[in-house]
Amino acid sequence: MKYGYARVSSTSQDLSVQIKQLEENNCDYIFKEKISGRNRDNRPEFNKLLETVKEGDTLVVTKLDRFARSTKDALNTIEYLNEKGVGLIVLNMGGDKIDTTTPIGKLLVTVLSGIAEFEADMIKERQMEGIALAKQRGVYKGRPKKYTENHKGLQYALKLFRERDKNKMTVNDICEITKISRATLYRANKEIL
């Protein structure tokens, strides 16, 4: 059986181009999901696909980055597929098709997954450099604080926290009632004296 896998990173993106390519390559069934590919454990449809395939089946993806985001992940998954006797076909690798059932296909997937991981790491590094430059210029403020000193829930939690000797409440009780985490409560108590 020939299984397709189509994935985009967010719910606002469209799967139709990938699905069309997989249908044109005669996939019998297509697993689809809209979720980040960074962590394989967080991709339920992909994991269901890996459980479904059996010896003699083929897994088809449109691009390698739809399949895996790191070399280690790609190689581990390809090894798992090989052990099950399942082939992998990547439809668009610079205009060519790669089939891991062939020795050259295995080599190319290994090299290209390394390049994909390198590219992702470079993007992250450039982002960090951009943030550092923005901080130097004073234009990067980071994520806005969720709990400011004007937040009523935090103020109530602090009041209860500071009156524990009178109200006999534990920190866990206060956190449960106010929905403020222990870390936030302790941090706010230090900052807002």
Protein backbone atom coordinates (compact mmCIF):
# COMPACT_ATOMS: atom_id res chain seq x y z
CA MET A 1 0.00 0.00 0.00
CA LYS A 2 1.16 3.52 -0.72
CA TYR A 3 0.60 6.10 2.04
CA GLY A 4 0.99 9.84 1.68
CA TYR A 5 1.80 12.31 4.42
CA ALA A 6 0.98 16.01 4.11
CA ARG A 7 1.85 18.54 6.81
CA VAL A 8 1.93 22.30 7.24
CA SER A 9 3.18 24.10 10.33
CA SER A 10 0.09 26.10 11.25
CA THR A 11 -3.67 25.98 10.89
CA SER A 12 -3.65 29.04 8.62
CA GLN A 13 -1.58 27.24 5.97
CA ASP A 14 -3.04 25.20 3.10
CA LEU A 15 -2.47 21.47 2.49
CA SER A 16 -4.08 21.33 -0.97
CA VAL A 17 -0.86 21.53 -3.04
CA GLN A 18 0.75 18.66 -1.11
CA ILE A 19 -2.43 16.58 -1.23
CA LYS A 20 -2.70 17.09 -5.01
CA GLN A 21 0.91 15.92 -5.51
CA LEU A 22 0.34 12.86 -3.32
CA GLU A 23 -2.85 11.98 -5.20
CA GLU A 24 -0.99 12.36 -8.52
CA ASN A 25 1.54 9.82 -7.19
CA ASN A 26 -1.22 7.28 -6.59
CA CYS A 27 -1.23 7.29 -2.78
CA ASP A 28 -3.94 4.97 -1.51
CA TYR A 29 -4.43 6.92 1.71
CA ILE A 30 -3.15 10.34 2.84
CA PHE A 31 -2.48 11.28 6.46
CA LYS A 32 -2.82 15.05 6.98
CA GLU A 33 -2.06 17.44 9.80
CA LYS A 34 -1.53 21.11 10.54
CA ILE A 35 1.09 21.16 13.26
CA SER A 36 4.74 22.12 13.77
CA GLY A 37 7.19 19.43 12.73
CA ARG A 38 9.81 20.33 15.33
CA ASN A 39 8.88 17.49 17.65
CA ARG A 40 7.79 14.13 16.25
CA ASP A 41 5.99 13.21 19.48
CA ASN A 42 3.57 16.11 18.93
CA ARG A 43 2.45 14.88 15.48
CA PRO A 44 -0.40 12.41 16.13
CA GLU A 45 -1.20 11.72 12.46
CA PHE A 46 2.45 11.05 11.63
CA ASN A 47 2.75 8.67 14.56
CA LYS A 48 -0.47 6.92 13.50
CA LEU A 49 1.02 6.58 10.01
CA LEU A 50 4.21 5.03 11.39
CA GLU A 51 2.11 2.50 13.31
CA THR A 52 -0.02 1.73 10.24
CA VAL A 53 2.68 1.03 7.64
CA LYS A 54 3.89 -2.54 7.28
CA GLU A 55 6.37 -4.51 5.20
CA GLY A 56 6.08 -3.76 1.49
CA ASP A 57 4.32 -0.42 2.00
CA THR A 58 5.66 2.90 0.77
CA LEU A 59 5.48 6.27 2.49
CA VAL A 60 5.40 9.28 0.16
CA VAL A 61 6.07 12.91 1.20
CA THR A 62 6.31 15.97 -1.02
CA LYS A 63 9.42 17.41 0.65
CA LEU A 64 11.88 16.21 3.26
CA ASP A 65 11.05 19.05 5.69
CA ARG A 66 7.43 17.82 5.81
CA PHE A 67 8.79 14.48 7.04
CA ALA A 68 11.45 15.55 9.58
CA ARG A 69 13.09 18.75 10.88
CA SER A 70 16.39 17.34 12.11
CA THR A 71 18.94 14.93 10.73
CA LYS A 72 18.66 12.73 13.79
CA ASP A 73 14.88 12.58 13.51
CA ALA A 74 15.01 11.84 9.78
CA LEU A 75 17.64 9.13 10.13
CA ASN A 76 15.87 7.49 13.08
CA THR A 77 12.55 7.49 11.26
CA ILE A 78 14.10 6.18 8.03
CA GLU A 79 15.85 3.44 10.01
CA TYR A 80 12.53 2.55 11.67
CA LEU A 81 10.86 2.38 8.26
CA ASN A 82 13.70 0.27 6.86
CA GLU A 83 13.40 -2.18 9.78
CA LYS A 84 9.70 -2.53 9.02
CA GLY A 85 10.46 -3.03 5.31
CA VAL A 86 8.79 0.25 4.34
CA GLY A 87 10.16 2.48 1.57
CA LEU A 88 10.23 6.28 1.62
CA ILE A 89 9.80 8.44 -1.45
CA VAL A 90 10.46 12.18 -1.30
CA LEU A 91 8.87 13.75 -4.38
CA ASN A 92 10.68 17.08 -4.56
CA MET A 93 14.35 17.10 -3.73
CA GLY A 94 15.55 19.89 -5.96
CA GLY A 95 13.33 18.70 -8.78
CA ASP A 96 14.23 15.02 -8.40
CA LYS A 97 12.50 12.15 -6.65
CA ILE A 98 14.40 10.19 -3.99
CA ASP A 99 13.58 6.62 -3.08
CA THR A 100 15.21 5.23 0.11
CA THR A 101 14.84 1.68 -1.12
CA THR A 102 17.92 2.39 -3.29
CA PRO A 103 21.47 2.94 -1.94
CA ILE A 104 21.82 6.35 -3.63
CA GLY A 105 18.43 7.36 -2.22
CA LYS A 106 19.58 6.51 1.31
CA LEU A 107 22.77 8.55 0.86
CA LEU A 108 20.96 11.57 -0.56
CA VAL A 109 18.34 11.62 2.19
CA THR A 110 21.08 11.50 4.84
CA VAL A 111 22.97 14.42 3.28
CA LEU A 112 19.88 16.50 2.60
CA SER A 113 18.39 16.01 6.05
CA GLY A 114 21.70 17.32 7.44
CA ILE A 115 21.37 20.39 5.25
CA ALA A 116 17.75 20.91 6.36
CA GLU A 117 18.80 20.79 10.02
CA PHE A 118 21.68 23.18 9.34
CA GLU A 119 19.27 25.60 7.66
CA ALA A 120 16.88 25.50 10.64
CA ASP A 121 19.80 26.13 13.03
CA MET A 122 20.99 29.07 10.93
CA ILE A 123 17.53 30.63 10.97
CA LYS A 124 17.45 30.33 14.77
CA GLU A 125 20.94 31.82 15.06
CA ARG A 126 20.02 34.80 12.83
CA GLN A 127 16.89 35.34 14.92
CA MET A 128 18.95 35.43 18.13
CA GLU A 129 21.43 37.86 16.54
CA GLY A 130 18.53 40.08 15.46
CA ILE A 131 17.10 40.06 18.98
CA ALA A 132 20.51 40.96 20.45
CA LEU A 133 20.86 43.89 18.04
CA ALA A 134 17.32 45.08 18.81
CA LYS A 135 18.11 44.93 22.54
CA GLN A 136 21.26 47.02 21.97
CA ARG A 137 19.18 49.62 20.13
CA GLY A 138 16.59 49.50 22.92
CA VAL A 139 13.72 48.50 20.64
CA TYR A 140 13.31 44.90 21.83
CA LYS A 141 11.29 44.64 24.98
CA GLY A 142 10.51 40.92 24.92
CA ARG A 143 7.12 39.46 25.57
CA PRO A 144 4.85 41.80 27.54
CA LYS A 145 4.29 40.79 31.15
CA LYS A 146 1.04 38.97 31.71
CA TYR A 147 0.81 39.96 35.37
CA THR A 148 1.49 43.59 36.17
CA GLU A 149 1.08 45.24 39.55
CA ASN A 150 -2.38 46.36 38.38
CA HIS A 151 -3.62 42.81 37.74
CA LYS A 152 -6.52 42.23 40.16
CA GLY A 153 -5.98 38.47 40.46
CA LEU A 154 -2.32 38.99 41.30
CA GLN A 155 -3.16 41.71 43.81
CA TYR A 156 -5.65 39.40 45.51
CA ALA A 157 -3.11 36.55 45.55
CA LEU A 158 -0.48 38.86 47.09
CA LYS A 159 -2.96 40.04 49.74
CA LEU A 160 -3.78 36.44 50.69
CA PHE A 161 -0.09 35.51 50.57
CA ARG A 162 0.92 38.33 52.92
CA GLU A 163 -1.93 37.54 55.33
CA ARG A 164 -1.22 33.79 55.61
CA ASP A 165 -0.67 34.05 59.36
CA LYS A 166 -4.24 35.38 59.75
CA ASN A 167 -6.07 33.41 57.05
CA LYS A 168 -4.15 30.13 57.65
CA MET A 169 -4.00 29.46 53.90
CA THR A 170 -1.14 27.60 52.26
CA VAL A 171 0.60 28.88 49.15
CA ASN A 172 -0.96 26.01 47.20
CA ASP A 173 -4.43 27.07 48.40
CA ILE A 174 -3.80 30.64 47.29
CA CYS A 175 -2.51 29.53 43.89
CA GLU A 176 -5.48 27.24 43.35
CA ILE A 177 -8.01 29.94 44.27
CA THR A 178 -6.40 32.78 42.30
CA LYS A 179 -5.00 30.70 39.37
CA ILE A 180 -1.62 32.42 39.87
CA SER A 181 1.39 30.11 39.76
CA ARG A 182 3.73 29.72 42.75
CA ALA A 183 6.63 31.15 40.73
CA THR A 184 4.63 34.22 39.71
CA LEU A 185 3.39 34.74 43.26
CA TYR A 186 6.88 34.54 44.80
CA ARG A 187 8.39 36.73 42.05
CA ALA A 188 5.66 39.36 42.44
CA ASN A 189 6.07 39.35 46.21
CA LYS A 190 9.76 40.19 45.78
CA GLU A 191 9.19 42.82 43.07
CA ILE A 192 6.13 44.55 44.52
CA LEU A 193 7.00 45.29 48.13
